[in-house]
PDB file of all heavy atoms in Angstrom:
ATOM      1  N   ARG A   1      10.797   9.442  -0.315  1.00  0.00           N
ATOM      2  CA  ARG A   1      10.829  10.916  -0.556  1.00  0.00           C
ATOM      3  C   ARG A   1      11.991  11.368  -1.335  1.00  0.00           C
ATOM      4  O   ARG A   1      11.876  12.314  -2.194  1.00  0.00           O
ATOM      5  CB  ARG A   1      10.779  11.664   0.731  1.00  0.00           C
ATOM      6  CG  ARG A   1       9.489  11.545   1.591  1.00  0.00           C
ATOM      7  CD  ARG A   1       9.600  12.431   2.854  1.00  0.00           C
ATOM      8  NE  ARG A   1       8.306  12.480   3.501  1.00  0.00           N
ATOM      9  CZ  ARG A   1       8.244  13.221   4.714  1.00  0.00           C
ATOM     10  NH1 ARG A   1       9.300  13.788   5.172  1.00  0.00           N
ATOM     11  NH2 ARG A   1       7.068  13.187   5.391  1.00  0.00           N
ATOM     12  N   SER A   2      13.147  10.968  -1.042  1.00  0.00           N
ATOM     13  CA  SER A   2      14.453  11.640  -1.476  1.00  0.00           C
ATOM     14  C   SER A   2      15.111  11.001  -2.608  1.00  0.00           C
ATOM     15  O   SER A   2      16.163  11.409  -3.022  1.00  0.00           O
ATOM     16  CB  SER A   2      15.481  11.595  -0.260  1.00  0.00           C
ATOM     17  OG  SER A   2      14.842  12.357   0.895  1.00  0.00           O
ATOM     18  N   TYR A   3      14.507   9.838  -3.135  1.00  0.00           N
ATOM     19  CA  TYR A   3      15.101   9.162  -4.284  1.00  0.00           C
ATOM     20  C   TYR A   3      13.858   8.957  -5.320  1.00  0.00           C
ATOM     21  O   TYR A   3      12.746   8.975  -5.014  1.00  0.00           O
ATOM     22  CB  TYR A   3      15.615   7.790  -3.848  1.00  0.00           C
ATOM     23  CG  TYR A   3      16.696   7.737  -2.863  1.00  0.00           C
ATOM     24  CD1 TYR A   3      16.387   8.090  -1.524  1.00  0.00           C
ATOM     25  CD2 TYR A   3      18.120   7.643  -3.312  1.00  0.00           C
ATOM     26  CE1 TYR A   3      17.443   8.090  -0.518  1.00  0.00           C
ATOM     27  CE2 TYR A   3      19.044   7.674  -2.323  1.00  0.00           C
ATOM     28  CZ  TYR A   3      18.715   7.888  -1.045  1.00  0.00           C
ATOM     29  OH  TYR A   3      19.794   7.856  -0.138  1.00  0.00           O
ATOM     30  N   ASN A   4      14.234   8.893  -6.547  1.00  0.00           N
ATOM     31  CA  ASN A   4      13.283   8.735  -7.548  1.00  0.00           C
ATOM     32  C   ASN A   4      12.933   7.330  -7.791  1.00  0.00           C
ATOM     33  O   ASN A   4      13.005   6.712  -8.879  1.00  0.00           O
ATOM     34  CB  ASN A   4      13.740   9.427  -8.913  1.00  0.00           C
ATOM     35  CG  ASN A   4      12.636   9.486 -10.010  1.00  0.00           C
ATOM     36  OD1 ASN A   4      11.440   9.508  -9.613  1.00  0.00           O
ATOM     37  ND2 ASN A   4      13.009   9.671 -11.234  1.00  0.00           N
ATOM     38  N   TYR A   5      12.474   6.675  -6.669  1.00  0.00           N
ATOM     39  CA  TYR A   5      12.278   5.292  -6.646  1.00  0.00           C
ATOM     40  C   TYR A   5      10.823   4.781  -6.798  1.00  0.00           C
ATOM     41  O   TYR A   5      10.595   3.597  -6.906  1.00  0.00           O
ATOM     42  CB  TYR A   5      12.891   4.604  -5.297  1.00  0.00           C
ATOM     43  CG  TYR A   5      14.321   4.602  -5.364  1.00  0.00           C
ATOM     44  CD1 TYR A   5      15.017   4.252  -4.170  1.00  0.00           C
ATOM     45  CD2 TYR A   5      15.193   4.711  -6.493  1.00  0.00           C
ATOM     46  CE1 TYR A   5      16.420   4.288  -4.034  1.00  0.00           C
ATOM     47  CE2 TYR A   5      16.545   4.578  -6.321  1.00  0.00           C
ATOM     48  CZ  TYR A   5      17.120   4.349  -5.162  1.00  0.00           C
ATOM     49  OH  TYR A   5      18.566   4.329  -5.139  1.00  0.00           O
ATOM     50  N   ILE A   6       9.883   5.707  -6.694  1.00  0.00           N
ATOM     51  CA  ILE A   6       8.500   5.384  -6.640  1.00  0.00           C
ATOM     52  C   ILE A   6       7.738   5.685  -7.902  1.00  0.00           C
ATOM     53  O   ILE A   6       7.853   6.838  -8.529  1.00  0.00           O
ATOM     54  CB  ILE A   6       7.796   6.104  -5.508  1.00  0.00           C
ATOM     55  CG1 ILE A   6       8.453   5.807  -4.167  1.00  0.00           C
ATOM     56  CG2 ILE A   6       6.278   5.766  -5.475  1.00  0.00           C
ATOM     57  CD1 ILE A   6       8.411   4.326  -3.757  1.00  0.00           C
ATOM     58  N   ASP A   7       6.918   4.722  -8.425  1.00  0.00           N
ATOM     59  CA  ASP A   7       6.111   4.999  -9.602  1.00  0.00           C
ATOM     60  C   ASP A   7       4.761   5.558  -9.104  1.00  0.00           C
ATOM     61  O   ASP A   7       3.959   4.822  -8.590  1.00  0.00           O
ATOM     62  CB  ASP A   7       5.905   3.693 -10.403  1.00  0.00           C
ATOM     63  CG  ASP A   7       4.985   3.851 -11.564  1.00  0.00           C
ATOM     64  OD1 ASP A   7       4.412   4.822 -11.813  1.00  0.00           O
ATOM     65  OD2 ASP A   7       4.857   2.879 -12.418  1.00  0.00           O
ATOM     66  N   GLU A   8       4.564   6.859  -9.220  1.00  0.00           N
ATOM     67  CA  GLU A   8       3.474   7.529  -8.684  1.00  0.00           C
ATOM     68  C   GLU A   8       2.170   7.231  -9.317  1.00  0.00           C
ATOM     69  O   GLU A   8       1.083   7.367  -8.763  1.00  0.00           O
ATOM     70  CB  GLU A   8       3.714   9.035  -8.734  1.00  0.00           C
ATOM     71  CG  GLU A   8       4.880   9.533  -7.943  1.00  0.00           C
ATOM     72  CD  GLU A   8       4.681   9.448  -6.444  1.00  0.00           C
ATOM     73  OE1 GLU A   8       3.626   9.081  -5.919  1.00  0.00           O
ATOM     74  OE2 GLU A   8       5.764   9.608  -5.687  1.00  0.00           O
ATOM     75  N   SER A   9       2.236   6.532 -10.436  1.00  0.00           N
ATOM     76  CA  SER A   9       0.986   6.043 -11.083  1.00  0.00           C
ATOM     77  C   SER A   9       0.325   4.890 -10.586  1.00  0.00           C
ATOM     78  O   SER A   9      -0.756   4.556 -10.844  1.00  0.00           O
ATOM     79  CB  SER A   9       1.250   5.820 -12.754  1.00  0.00           C
ATOM     80  OG  SER A   9       2.091   4.717 -12.808  1.00  0.00           O
ATOM     81  N   VAL A  10       1.050   4.158  -9.646  1.00  0.00           N
ATOM     82  CA  VAL A  10       0.523   2.890  -9.099  1.00  0.00           C
ATOM     83  C   VAL A  10      -0.420   3.301  -7.821  1.00  0.00           C
ATOM     84  O   VAL A  10       0.018   3.980  -6.977  1.00  0.00           O
ATOM     85  CB  VAL A  10       1.661   2.015  -8.639  1.00  0.00           C
ATOM     86  CG1 VAL A  10       1.047   0.814  -7.826  1.00  0.00           C
ATOM     87  CG2 VAL A  10       2.501   1.667  -9.693  1.00  0.00           C
ATOM     88  N   SER A  11      -1.655   2.868  -7.987  1.00  0.00           N
ATOM     89  CA  SER A  11      -2.610   3.135  -7.036  1.00  0.00           C
ATOM     90  C   SER A  11      -2.493   2.204  -5.797  1.00  0.00           C
ATOM     91  O   SER A  11      -2.265   0.990  -5.953  1.00  0.00           O
ATOM     92  CB  SER A  11      -4.029   3.127  -7.560  1.00  0.00           C
ATOM     93  OG  SER A  11      -5.020   3.166  -6.536  1.00  0.00           O
ATOM     94  N   TYR A  12      -2.673   2.641  -4.564  1.00  0.00           N
ATOM     95  CA  TYR A  12      -2.540   1.810  -3.419  1.00  0.00           C
ATOM     96  C   TYR A  12      -3.688   2.025  -2.373  1.00  0.00           C
ATOM     97  O   TYR A  12      -3.914   1.245  -1.502  1.00  0.00           O
ATOM     98  CB  TYR A  12      -1.246   2.025  -2.817  1.00  0.00           C
ATOM     99  CG  TYR A  12      -1.068   3.374  -2.151  1.00  0.00           C
ATOM    100  CD1 TYR A  12      -1.339   3.601  -0.810  1.00  0.00           C
ATOM    101  CD2 TYR A  12      -0.491   4.416  -2.910  1.00  0.00           C
ATOM    102  CE1 TYR A  12      -1.160   4.937  -0.258  1.00  0.00           C
ATOM    103  CE2 TYR A  12      -0.326   5.685  -2.391  1.00  0.00           C
ATOM    104  CZ  TYR A  12      -0.667   5.866  -1.060  1.00  0.00           C
ATOM    105  OH  TYR A  12      -0.466   7.206  -0.591  1.00  0.00           O
ATOM    106  N   LYS A  13      -4.426   3.173  -2.512  1.00  0.00           N
ATOM    107  CA  LYS A  13      -5.330   3.593  -1.478  1.00  0.00           C
ATOM    108  C   LYS A  13      -6.478   2.500  -1.318  1.00  0.00           C
ATOM    109  O   LYS A  13      -7.059   2.480  -0.175  1.00  0.00           O
ATOM    110  CB  LYS A  13      -5.856   4.969  -1.733  1.00  0.00           C
ATOM    111  CG  LYS A  13      -4.738   6.074  -1.613  1.00  0.00           C
ATOM    112  CD  LYS A  13      -5.315   7.491  -1.744  1.00  0.00           C
ATOM    113  CE  LYS A  13      -4.142   8.475  -1.667  1.00  0.00           C
ATOM    114  NZ  LYS A  13      -4.591   9.884  -1.757  1.00  0.00           N
ATOM    115  N   SER A  14      -6.943   1.843  -2.398  1.00  0.00           N
ATOM    116  CA  SER A  14      -7.982   0.846  -2.297  1.00  0.00           C
ATOM    117  C   SER A  14      -7.644  -0.256  -1.425  1.00  0.00           C
ATOM    118  O   SER A  14      -8.461  -0.979  -0.843  1.00  0.00           O
ATOM    119  CB  SER A  14      -8.260   0.343  -3.657  1.00  0.00           C
ATOM    120  OG  SER A  14      -7.277  -0.334  -4.383  1.00  0.00           O
ATOM    121  N   TYR A  15      -6.377  -0.502  -1.087  1.00  0.00           N
ATOM    122  CA  TYR A  15      -5.844  -1.580  -0.184  1.00  0.00           C
ATOM    123  C   TYR A  15      -6.014  -1.285   1.294  1.00  0.00           C
ATOM    124  O   TYR A  15      -5.733  -2.074   2.110  1.00  0.00           O
ATOM    125  CB  TYR A  15      -4.549  -2.071  -0.514  1.00  0.00           C
ATOM    126  CG  TYR A  15      -4.414  -2.544  -1.876  1.00  0.00           C
ATOM    127  CD1 TYR A  15      -3.358  -2.274  -2.740  1.00  0.00           C
ATOM    128  CD2 TYR A  15      -5.301  -3.626  -2.325  1.00  0.00           C
ATOM    129  CE1 TYR A  15      -3.224  -2.856  -3.977  1.00  0.00           C
ATOM    130  CE2 TYR A  15      -5.081  -4.245  -3.562  1.00  0.00           C
ATOM    131  CZ  TYR A  15      -4.088  -3.817  -4.419  1.00  0.00           C
ATOM    132  OH  TYR A  15      -3.935  -4.352  -5.633  1.00  0.00           O
ATOM    133  N   ILE A  16      -6.246  -0.012   1.558  1.00  0.00           N
ATOM    134  CA  ILE A  16      -6.090   0.351   3.060  1.00  0.00           C
ATOM    135  C   ILE A  16      -7.101  -0.296   3.875  1.00  0.00           C
ATOM    136  O   ILE A  16      -6.801  -0.768   5.003  1.00  0.00           O
ATOM    137  CB  ILE A  16      -6.332   1.976   3.170  1.00  0.00           C
ATOM    138  CG1 ILE A  16      -5.165   2.695   2.554  1.00  0.00           C
ATOM    139  CG2 ILE A  16      -6.507   2.361   4.629  1.00  0.00           C
ATOM    140  CD1 ILE A  16      -5.304   4.245   2.524  1.00  0.00           C
ATOM    141  N   LYS A  17      -8.273  -0.680   3.390  1.00  0.00           N
ATOM    142  CA  LYS A  17      -9.312  -1.301   4.109  1.00  0.00           C
ATOM    143  C   LYS A  17      -9.115  -2.732   4.450  1.00  0.00           C
ATOM    144  O   LYS A  17      -9.680  -3.306   5.330  1.00  0.00           O
ATOM    145  CB  LYS A  17     -10.708  -1.163   3.294  1.00  0.00           C
ATOM    146  CG  LYS A  17     -10.662  -1.977   2.040  1.00  0.00           C
ATOM    147  CD  LYS A  17     -12.109  -1.722   1.380  1.00  0.00           C
ATOM    148  CE  LYS A  17     -12.177  -2.620   0.067  1.00  0.00           C
ATOM    149  NZ  LYS A  17     -11.232  -2.114  -0.869  1.00  0.00           N
ATOM    150  N   ILE A  18      -8.023  -3.241   3.862  1.00  0.00           N
ATOM    151  CA  ILE A  18      -7.799  -4.755   4.004  1.00  0.00           C
ATOM    152  C   ILE A  18      -6.667  -4.976   5.006  1.00  0.00           C
ATOM    153  O   ILE A  18      -6.202  -6.194   5.191  1.00  0.00           O
ATOM    154  CB  ILE A  18      -7.530  -5.460   2.643  1.00  0.00           C
ATOM    155  CG1 ILE A  18      -6.422  -4.870   1.911  1.00  0.00           C
ATOM    156  CG2 ILE A  18      -8.860  -5.462   1.848  1.00  0.00           C
ATOM    157  CD1 ILE A  18      -5.081  -5.337   2.215  1.00  0.00           C
ATOM    158  N   ILE A  19      -6.100  -3.915   5.630  1.00  0.00           N
ATOM    159  CA  ILE A  19      -4.986  -4.082   6.566  1.00  0.00           C
ATOM    160  C   ILE A  19      -5.389  -4.915   7.696  1.00  0.00           C
ATOM    161  O   ILE A  19      -4.617  -5.933   8.114  1.00  0.00           O
ATOM    162  CB  ILE A  19      -4.436  -2.828   6.946  1.00  0.00           C
ATOM    163  CG1 ILE A  19      -3.696  -2.039   5.711  1.00  0.00           C
ATOM    164  CG2 ILE A  19      -3.492  -2.820   8.163  1.00  0.00           C
ATOM    165  CD1 ILE A  19      -3.279  -0.638   6.073  1.00  0.00           C
ATOM    166  N   LYS A  20      -6.468  -4.573   8.354  1.00  0.00           N
ATOM    167  CA  LYS A  20      -6.680  -5.470   9.647  1.00  0.00           C
ATOM    168  C   LYS A  20      -6.995  -6.934   9.244  1.00  0.00           C
ATOM    169  O   LYS A  20      -6.568  -7.738   9.882  1.00  0.00           O
ATOM    170  CB  LYS A  20      -7.893  -4.800  10.314  1.00  0.00           C
ATOM    171  CG  LYS A  20      -7.545  -3.518  11.118  1.00  0.00           C
ATOM    172  CD  LYS A  20      -8.637  -3.086  11.983  1.00  0.00           C
ATOM    173  CE  LYS A  20      -8.233  -1.782  12.702  1.00  0.00           C
ATOM    174  NZ  LYS A  20      -7.024  -1.946  13.574  1.00  0.00           N
ATOM    175  N   PRO A  21      -7.779  -7.143   8.114  1.00  0.00           N
ATOM    176  CA  PRO A  21      -7.959  -8.530   7.734  1.00  0.00           C
ATOM    177  C   PRO A  21      -6.685  -9.269   7.515  1.00  0.00           C
ATOM    178  O   PRO A  21      -6.565 -10.495   7.705  1.00  0.00           O
ATOM    179  CB  PRO A  21      -8.969  -8.554   6.574  1.00  0.00           C
ATOM    180  CG  PRO A  21      -9.682  -7.227   6.746  1.00  0.00           C
ATOM    181  CD  PRO A  21      -8.733  -6.299   7.390  1.00  0.00           C
ATOM    182  N   MET A  22      -5.719  -8.472   6.795  1.00  0.00           N
ATOM    183  CA  MET A  22      -4.512  -9.135   6.454  1.00  0.00           C
ATOM    184  C   MET A  22      -3.694  -9.449   7.732  1.00  0.00           C
ATOM    185  O   MET A  22      -2.994 -10.494   7.807  1.00  0.00           O
ATOM    186  CB  MET A  22      -3.721  -8.156   5.565  1.00  0.00           C
ATOM    187  CG  MET A  22      -2.323  -8.724   5.138  1.00  0.00           C
ATOM    188  SD  MET A  22      -2.451 -10.271   4.153  1.00  0.00           S
ATOM    189  CE  MET A  22      -3.264  -9.613   2.707  1.00  0.00           C
ATOM    190  N   GLU A  23      -3.733  -8.561   8.703  1.00  0.00           N
ATOM    191  CA  GLU A  23      -3.050  -8.874   9.955  1.00  0.00           C
ATOM    192  C   GLU A  23      -3.662 -10.074  10.612  1.00  0.00           C
ATOM    193  O   GLU A  23      -2.892 -10.862  11.198  1.00  0.00           O
ATOM    194  CB  GLU A  23      -3.182  -7.669  10.991  1.00  0.00           C
ATOM    195  CG  GLU A  23      -2.372  -6.474  10.486  1.00  0.00           C
ATOM    196  CD  GLU A  23      -2.493  -5.284  11.413  1.00  0.00           C
ATOM    197  OE1 GLU A  23      -3.645  -5.211  12.112  1.00  0.00           O
ATOM    198  OE2 GLU A  23      -1.646  -4.465  11.493  1.00  0.00           O
ATOM    199  N   LYS A  24      -4.961 -10.280  10.520  1.00  0.00           N
ATOM    200  CA  LYS A  24      -5.618 -11.445  11.081  1.00  0.00           C
ATOM    201  C   LYS A  24      -5.143 -12.699  10.370  1.00  0.00           C
ATOM    202  O   LYS A  24      -4.864 -13.777  11.003  1.00  0.00           O
ATOM    203  CB  LYS A  24      -7.124 -11.342  10.962  1.00  0.00           C
ATOM    204  CG  LYS A  24      -7.904 -12.409  11.519  1.00  0.00           C
ATOM    205  CD  LYS A  24      -9.488 -12.093  11.526  1.00  0.00           C
ATOM    206  CE  LYS A  24     -10.281 -13.288  12.180  1.00  0.00           C
ATOM    207  NZ  LYS A  24     -11.804 -12.911  12.043  1.00  0.00           N
ATOM    208  N   ALA A  25      -4.964 -12.663   9.069  1.00  0.00           N
ATOM    209  CA  ALA A  25      -4.404 -13.830   8.291  1.00  0.00           C
ATOM    210  C   ALA A  25      -3.016 -14.111   8.601  1.00  0.00           C
ATOM    211  O   ALA A  25      -2.676 -15.340   8.766  1.00  0.00           O
ATOM    212  CB  ALA A  25      -4.628 -13.436   6.796  1.00  0.00           C
ATOM    213  N   LEU A  26      -2.238 -13.123   8.792  1.00  0.00           N
ATOM    214  CA  LEU A  26      -0.821 -13.325   9.131  1.00  0.00           C
ATOM    215  C   LEU A  26      -0.753 -14.120  10.450  1.00  0.00           C
ATOM    216  O   LEU A  26       0.154 -14.842  10.746  1.00  0.00           O
ATOM    217  CB  LEU A  26      -0.015 -12.017   9.219  1.00  0.00           C
ATOM    218  CG  LEU A  26       0.225 -11.456   7.813  1.00  0.00           C
ATOM    219  CD1 LEU A  26       0.773  -9.924   7.963  1.00  0.00           C
ATOM    220  CD2 LEU A  26       1.362 -12.322   7.055  1.00  0.00           C
TER     221      LEU A  26
END
């Protein structure tokens, strides 16, 4: 939030659905 460290053009929301499968793989 407080630093200009994030590229807001990078999409990430499409990855939300793979969180649980990723935890299973880990």
